[in-house]
Amino acid sequence: QVKLVESGGGLVQGGGSLRLSCDASGFDFMVKAMGWFRQAPGKEREFVAVISGSGDRTYYSDSVKDRFTVSRDNAKNTVYLQMNSLKPEDTAVYYCVRSPRTFYDMSNYKLNGEYDYWGQGTQVTVSS
């Protein structure tokens, strides 16, 4: 069955960096779009980044653009989120997500409903 397992979260000072990993299994990884969402305490889950199956297309929310980079290694069935210049407002649980479609078949990659599998989440805490 489909399985997504995130790792790499933790506590970091403002301005620091973290890299999240998501190990995927149980499906044809290189075909599907993959993404990252996050949820801060008391807030709704929000889109962070998406990457196409081949990795040639990436998109980000305005709040993380130019600081975060999403990438994937299709040989390892792993997607990454490199987070630089972290801010306290980046504190959240980060979720790896899978789309049932290719990137080019998605209607709106920013919507929760475009993704059918979610990992368990990994906590990222940024201190000021």
N, C-alpha and C. Protein backbone atom coordinates (compact mmCIF):
# COMPACT_ATOMS: atom_id res chain seq x y z
N GLN A 1 0.83 -1.18 0.00
CA GLN A 1 0.00 0.00 0.00
C GLN A 1 0.88 1.25 0.00
N VAL A 2 0.27 2.38 -0.30
CA VAL A 2 1.00 3.64 -0.33
C VAL A 2 1.45 4.02 1.08
N LYS A 3 2.69 4.40 1.17
CA LYS A 3 3.23 4.81 2.46
C LYS A 3 4.16 6.00 2.25
N LEU A 4 3.99 7.03 3.10
CA LEU A 4 4.84 8.22 3.08
C LEU A 4 5.37 8.43 4.48
N VAL A 5 6.69 8.49 4.62
CA VAL A 5 7.30 8.64 5.94
C VAL A 5 8.25 9.82 5.92
N GLU A 6 7.90 10.86 6.69
CA GLU A 6 8.74 12.05 6.77
C GLU A 6 9.78 11.91 7.86
N SER A 7 10.88 12.62 7.69
CA SER A 7 11.91 12.71 8.71
C SER A 7 12.66 14.01 8.52
N GLY A 8 13.45 14.38 9.53
CA GLY A 8 14.30 15.55 9.42
C GLY A 8 13.84 16.77 10.17
N GLY A 9 12.67 16.71 10.79
CA GLY A 9 12.21 17.85 11.56
C GLY A 9 13.02 18.03 12.83
N GLY A 10 12.76 19.13 13.51
CA GLY A 10 13.47 19.38 14.76
C GLY A 10 13.37 20.83 15.17
N LEU A 11 14.22 21.19 16.12
CA LEU A 11 14.27 22.56 16.65
C LEU A 11 15.49 23.26 16.07
N VAL A 12 15.28 24.46 15.56
CA VAL A 12 16.37 25.21 14.96
C VAL A 12 16.18 26.69 15.29
N GLN A 13 17.28 27.40 15.37
CA GLN A 13 17.21 28.84 15.61
C GLN A 13 16.80 29.57 14.34
N GLY A 14 16.18 30.72 14.52
CA GLY A 14 15.84 31.55 13.39
C GLY A 14 17.06 31.84 12.53
N GLY A 15 16.89 31.76 11.21
CA GLY A 15 18.00 31.95 10.29
C GLY A 15 18.69 30.65 9.91
N GLY A 16 18.36 29.60 10.62
CA GLY A 16 18.99 28.30 10.37
C GLY A 16 18.33 27.53 9.24
N SER A 17 18.80 26.30 9.06
CA SER A 17 18.32 25.45 7.96
C SER A 17 17.96 24.07 8.47
N LEU A 18 17.06 23.44 7.76
CA LEU A 18 16.71 22.03 7.97
C LEU A 18 16.39 21.42 6.62
N ARG A 19 16.60 20.12 6.50
CA ARG A 19 16.16 19.40 5.31
C ARG A 19 15.24 18.27 5.72
N LEU A 20 14.04 18.32 5.20
CA LEU A 20 13.07 17.26 5.42
C LEU A 20 13.17 16.24 4.30
N SER A 21 12.94 14.99 4.66
CA SER A 21 12.90 13.91 3.68
C SER A 21 11.57 13.19 3.79
N CYS A 22 11.14 12.63 2.68
CA CYS A 22 9.91 11.83 2.65
C CYS A 22 10.20 10.58 1.82
N ASP A 23 10.21 9.45 2.49
CA ASP A 23 10.42 8.18 1.81
C ASP A 23 9.07 7.61 1.41
N ALA A 24 8.93 7.34 0.13
CA ALA A 24 7.66 6.88 -0.42
C ALA A 24 7.76 5.43 -0.88
N SER A 25 6.66 4.71 -0.78
CA SER A 25 6.62 3.33 -1.26
C SER A 25 5.20 2.94 -1.61
N GLY A 26 5.09 1.89 -2.42
CA GLY A 26 3.79 1.33 -2.72
C GLY A 26 3.10 1.88 -3.96
N PHE A 27 3.82 2.68 -4.75
CA PHE A 27 3.24 3.21 -5.99
C PHE A 27 4.35 3.60 -6.94
N ASP A 28 3.96 3.94 -8.17
CA ASP A 28 4.91 4.32 -9.20
C ASP A 28 5.36 5.76 -8.95
N PHE A 29 6.40 5.90 -8.12
CA PHE A 29 6.79 7.20 -7.59
C PHE A 29 7.13 8.21 -8.68
N MET A 30 7.87 7.80 -9.69
CA MET A 30 8.40 8.78 -10.65
C MET A 30 7.32 9.41 -11.52
N VAL A 31 6.10 8.88 -11.46
CA VAL A 31 5.02 9.41 -12.29
C VAL A 31 4.22 10.49 -11.56
N LYS A 32 4.11 10.36 -10.26
CA LYS A 32 3.19 11.20 -9.49
C LYS A 32 3.82 12.51 -9.02
N ALA A 33 3.00 13.56 -9.03
CA ALA A 33 3.41 14.80 -8.38
C ALA A 33 3.44 14.58 -6.87
N MET A 34 4.39 15.22 -6.23
CA MET A 34 4.53 15.15 -4.78
C MET A 34 4.58 16.56 -4.21
N GLY A 35 4.19 16.71 -2.97
CA GLY A 35 4.18 18.04 -2.40
C GLY A 35 4.43 18.05 -0.91
N TRP A 36 4.45 19.27 -0.39
CA TRP A 36 4.57 19.49 1.06
C TRP A 36 3.51 20.50 1.49
N PHE A 37 2.86 20.19 2.59
CA PHE A 37 1.96 21.11 3.26
C PHE A 37 2.46 21.29 4.68
N ARG A 38 1.92 22.28 5.36
CA ARG A 38 2.25 22.47 6.78
C ARG A 38 1.03 22.97 7.53
N GLN A 39 1.04 22.72 8.83
CA GLN A 39 -0.04 23.19 9.69
C GLN A 39 0.53 23.70 10.99
N ALA A 40 0.32 24.97 11.22
CA ALA A 40 0.74 25.61 12.47
C ALA A 40 -0.39 25.48 13.49
N PRO A 41 -0.06 25.56 14.78
CA PRO A 41 -1.10 25.46 15.81
C PRO A 41 -2.22 26.48 15.61
N GLY A 42 -3.45 26.00 15.61
CA GLY A 42 -4.59 26.89 15.48
C GLY A 42 -4.86 27.38 14.08
N LYS A 43 -4.11 26.88 13.10
CA LYS A 43 -4.29 27.34 11.72
C LYS A 43 -4.63 26.16 10.81
N GLU A 44 -5.16 26.47 9.65
CA GLU A 44 -5.46 25.44 8.68
C GLU A 44 -4.17 24.98 7.99
N ARG A 45 -4.24 23.77 7.43
CA ARG A 45 -3.11 23.30 6.64
C ARG A 45 -2.95 24.18 5.41
N GLU A 46 -1.69 24.47 5.09
CA GLU A 46 -1.43 25.33 3.94
C GLU A 46 -0.40 24.70 3.02
N PHE A 47 -0.56 24.97 1.75
CA PHE A 47 0.36 24.50 0.73
C PHE A 47 1.73 25.13 0.92
N VAL A 48 2.77 24.32 0.71
CA VAL A 48 4.13 24.82 0.79
C VAL A 48 4.84 24.72 -0.56
N ALA A 49 4.84 23.51 -1.14
CA ALA A 49 5.57 23.31 -2.39
C ALA A 49 5.05 22.07 -3.10
N VAL A 50 5.27 22.03 -4.41
CA VAL A 50 4.91 20.87 -5.22
C VAL A 50 6.01 20.64 -6.25
N ILE A 51 6.19 19.37 -6.64
CA ILE A 51 7.19 19.03 -7.65
C ILE A 51 6.60 17.98 -8.58
N SER A 52 6.87 18.13 -9.86
CA SER A 52 6.38 17.17 -10.85
C SER A 52 7.16 15.86 -10.75
N GLY A 53 6.66 14.84 -11.43
CA GLY A 53 7.27 13.53 -11.35
C GLY A 53 8.73 13.51 -11.78
N SER A 54 9.03 14.23 -12.83
CA SER A 54 10.41 14.27 -13.32
C SER A 54 11.26 15.28 -12.57
N GLY A 55 10.61 16.14 -11.81
CA GLY A 55 11.33 17.18 -11.07
C GLY A 55 11.57 18.45 -11.86
N ASP A 56 11.04 18.53 -13.07
CA ASP A 56 11.33 19.70 -13.90
C ASP A 56 10.43 20.89 -13.58
N ARG A 57 9.37 20.66 -12.84
CA ARG A 57 8.49 21.75 -12.44
C ARG A 57 8.36 21.79 -10.92
N THR A 58 8.57 22.96 -10.36
CA THR A 58 8.40 23.17 -8.93
C THR A 58 7.67 24.50 -8.71
N TYR A 59 6.83 24.52 -7.71
CA TYR A 59 6.11 25.75 -7.36
C TYR A 59 6.04 25.85 -5.84
N TYR A 60 5.98 27.10 -5.37
CA TYR A 60 6.05 27.36 -3.94
C TYR A 60 4.99 28.37 -3.53
N SER A 61 4.64 28.33 -2.25
CA SER A 61 3.80 29.40 -1.72
C SER A 61 4.65 30.66 -1.63
N ASP A 62 3.99 31.79 -1.64
CA ASP A 62 4.72 33.05 -1.57
C ASP A 62 5.52 33.18 -0.27
N SER A 63 5.01 32.56 0.79
CA SER A 63 5.66 32.71 2.09
C SER A 63 6.99 31.97 2.19
N VAL A 64 7.23 31.00 1.31
CA VAL A 64 8.49 30.24 1.40
C VAL A 64 9.36 30.38 0.15
N LYS A 65 8.81 30.99 -0.87
CA LYS A 65 9.56 31.14 -2.12
C LYS A 65 10.88 31.84 -1.86
N ASP A 66 11.91 31.37 -2.51
CA ASP A 66 13.28 31.89 -2.39
C ASP A 66 13.98 31.47 -1.11
N ARG A 67 13.29 30.74 -0.22
CA ARG A 67 13.93 30.22 0.99
C ARG A 67 13.91 28.69 1.02
N PHE A 68 12.85 28.10 0.48
CA PHE A 68 12.70 26.64 0.48
C PHE A 68 12.92 26.11 -0.93
N THR A 69 13.44 24.88 -1.00
CA THR A 69 13.62 24.20 -2.28
C THR A 69 13.12 22.77 -2.18
N VAL A 70 12.21 22.39 -3.07
CA VAL A 70 11.72 21.02 -3.13
C VAL A 70 12.48 20.29 -4.23
N SER A 71 12.83 19.03 -3.97
CA SER A 71 13.53 18.22 -4.95
C SER A 71 13.14 16.76 -4.74
N ARG A 72 13.55 15.91 -5.66
CA ARG A 72 13.23 14.49 -5.53
C ARG A 72 14.33 13.66 -6.15
N ASP A 73 14.48 12.45 -5.62
CA ASP A 73 15.40 11.47 -6.16
C ASP A 73 14.56 10.25 -6.51
N ASN A 74 14.25 10.10 -7.79
CA ASN A 74 13.35 9.02 -8.19
C ASN A 74 14.00 7.63 -8.06
N ALA A 75 15.32 7.59 -8.01
CA ALA A 75 16.00 6.31 -7.80
C ALA A 75 15.83 5.83 -6.36
N LYS A 76 15.61 6.78 -5.45
CA LYS A 76 15.46 6.45 -4.04
C LYS A 76 14.02 6.57 -3.55
N ASN A 77 13.11 6.96 -4.45
CA ASN A 77 11.70 7.17 -4.05
C ASN A 77 11.60 8.14 -2.88
N THR A 78 12.33 9.22 -2.97
CA THR A 78 12.39 10.19 -1.89
C THR A 78 12.19 11.60 -2.41
N VAL A 79 11.43 12.38 -1.67
CA VAL A 79 11.26 13.80 -1.97
C VAL A 79 11.81 14.58 -0.78
N TYR A 80 12.41 15.72 -1.07
CA TYR A 80 13.07 16.53 -0.05
C TYR A 80 12.48 17.93 0.01
N LEU A 81 12.64 18.56 1.16
CA LEU A 81 12.33 19.98 1.30
C LEU A 81 13.49 20.62 2.05
N GLN A 82 14.30 21.36 1.32
CA GLN A 82 15.40 22.10 1.93
C GLN A 82 14.87 23.45 2.38
N MET A 83 15.01 23.74 3.66
CA MET A 83 14.45 24.96 4.24
C MET A 83 15.60 25.81 4.78
N ASN A 84 15.78 26.97 4.19
CA ASN A 84 16.83 27.90 4.61
C ASN A 84 16.21 29.18 5.17
N SER A 85 17.03 29.94 5.85
CA SER A 85 16.58 31.23 6.42
C SER A 85 15.26 31.07 7.17
N LEU A 86 15.21 30.07 8.00
CA LEU A 86 13.96 29.76 8.71
C LEU A 86 13.56 30.88 9.66
N LYS A 87 12.25 31.05 9.76
CA LYS A 87 11.66 32.09 10.61
C LYS A 87 10.75 31.43 11.64
N PRO A 88 10.50 32.09 12.76
CA PRO A 88 9.57 31.52 13.75
C PRO A 88 8.21 31.19 13.15
N GLU A 89 7.77 31.97 12.17
CA GLU A 89 6.46 31.70 11.56
C GLU A 89 6.46 30.46 10.67
N ASP A 90 7.62 29.85 10.46
CA ASP A 90 7.68 28.58 9.74
C ASP A 90 7.40 27.39 10.67
N THR A 91 7.27 27.65 11.97
CA THR A 91 6.98 26.59 12.93
C THR A 91 5.65 25.93 12.60
N ALA A 92 5.68 24.61 12.42
CA ALA A 92 4.49 23.87 12.01
C ALA A 92 4.82 22.39 11.94
N VAL A 93 3.78 21.60 11.79
CA VAL A 93 3.96 20.20 11.40
C VAL A 93 3.96 20.17 9.87
N TYR A 94 4.98 19.56 9.30
CA TYR A 94 5.12 19.49 7.85
C TYR A 94 4.73 18.10 7.36
N TYR A 95 3.89 18.09 6.32
CA TYR A 95 3.36 16.85 5.77
C TYR A 95 3.82 16.65 4.33
N CYS A 96 4.25 15.45 4.04
CA CYS A 96 4.52 15.04 2.67
C CYS A 96 3.21 14.52 2.08
N VAL A 97 2.94 14.87 0.82
CA VAL A 97 1.68 14.48 0.21
C VAL A 97 1.92 13.93 -1.20
N ARG A 98 1.02 13.06 -1.61
CA ARG A 98 1.08 12.50 -2.96
C ARG A 98 -0.18 12.84 -3.74
N SER A 99 0.01 13.23 -4.97
CA SER A 99 -1.12 13.39 -5.87
C SER A 99 -1.40 12.07 -6.59
N PRO A 100 -2.66 11.74 -6.83
CA PRO A 100 -2.96 10.54 -7.62
C PRO A 100 -2.72 10.77 -9.10
N ARG A 101 -2.36 12.01 -9.47
CA ARG A 101 -2.19 12.38 -10.87
C ARG A 101 -0.77 12.86 -11.15
N THR A 102 -0.47 12.98 -12.43
CA THR A 102 0.77 13.66 -12.78
C THR A 102 0.58 15.15 -12.54
N PHE A 103 1.65 15.89 -12.47
CA PHE A 103 1.56 17.32 -12.23
C PHE A 103 0.70 18.01 -13.29
N TYR A 104 0.82 17.55 -14.53
CA TYR A 104 0.15 18.22 -15.64
C TYR A 104 -1.35 17.95 -15.66
N ASP A 105 -1.80 16.96 -14.90
CA ASP A 105 -3.23 16.64 -14.80
C ASP A 105 -3.89 17.27 -13.57
N MET A 106 -3.12 17.95 -12.76
CA MET A 106 -3.68 18.58 -11.56
C MET A 106 -4.43 19.85 -11.93
N SER A 107 -5.50 20.11 -11.20
CA SER A 107 -6.28 21.32 -11.45
C SER A 107 -5.72 22.52 -10.68
N ASN A 108 -5.43 22.29 -9.42
CA ASN A 108 -4.91 23.37 -8.59
C ASN A 108 -4.04 22.75 -7.49
N TYR A 109 -2.74 22.76 -7.70
CA TYR A 109 -1.82 22.06 -6.80
C TYR A 109 -1.80 22.65 -5.39
N LYS A 110 -2.42 23.80 -5.18
CA LYS A 110 -2.42 24.42 -3.86
C LYS A 110 -3.54 23.87 -2.96
N LEU A 111 -4.43 23.08 -3.51
CA LEU A 111 -5.58 22.62 -2.75
C LEU A 111 -5.33 21.26 -2.10
N ASN A 112 -5.79 21.11 -0.85
CA ASN A 112 -5.68 19.83 -0.13
C ASN A 112 -6.26 18.68 -0.94
N GLY A 113 -7.38 18.94 -1.60
CA GLY A 113 -8.10 17.88 -2.30
C GLY A 113 -7.39 17.29 -3.50
N GLU A 114 -6.30 17.92 -3.91
CA GLU A 114 -5.53 17.40 -5.04
C GLU A 114 -4.64 16.23 -4.63
N TYR A 115 -4.56 15.95 -3.34
CA TYR A 115 -3.65 14.95 -2.82
C TYR A 115 -4.43 13.87 -2.08
N ASP A 116 -4.04 12.61 -2.31
CA ASP A 116 -4.83 11.53 -1.72
C ASP A 116 -4.11 10.78 -0.59
N TYR A 117 -2.83 10.95 -0.47
CA TYR A 117 -2.11 10.32 0.63
C TYR A 117 -1.23 11.36 1.33
N TRP A 118 -1.24 11.26 2.68
CA TRP A 118 -0.49 12.19 3.51
C TRP A 118 0.39 11.39 4.46
N GLY A 119 1.59 11.88 4.71
CA GLY A 119 2.43 11.27 5.72
C GLY A 119 1.93 11.62 7.12
N GLN A 120 2.63 11.11 8.12
CA GLN A 120 2.21 11.36 9.50
C GLN A 120 2.62 12.73 10.00
N GLY A 121 3.53 13.38 9.28
CA GLY A 121 3.97 14.71 9.66
C GLY A 121 5.23 14.71 10.49
N THR A 122 5.99 15.78 10.36
CA THR A 122 7.19 15.96 11.17
C THR A 122 7.21 17.39 11.69
N GLN A 123 7.51 17.55 12.96
CA GLN A 123 7.45 18.87 13.61
C GLN A 123 8.70 19.67 13.30
N VAL A 124 8.48 20.91 12.91
CA VAL A 124 9.58 21.88 12.73
C VAL A 124 9.29 23.04 13.66
N THR A 125 10.24 23.34 14.52
CA THR A 125 10.10 24.45 15.46
C THR A 125 11.27 25.40 15.29
N VAL A 126 10.95 26.66 15.04
CA VAL A 126 11.98 27.67 14.82
C VAL A 126 11.92 28.67 15.96
N SER A 127 13.00 28.79 16.68
CA SER A 127 13.04 29.72 17.81
C SER A 127 13.53 31.09 17.36
N SER A 128 13.09 32.10 18.07
CA SER A 128 13.47 33.47 17.71
C SER A 128 14.75 33.89 18.42
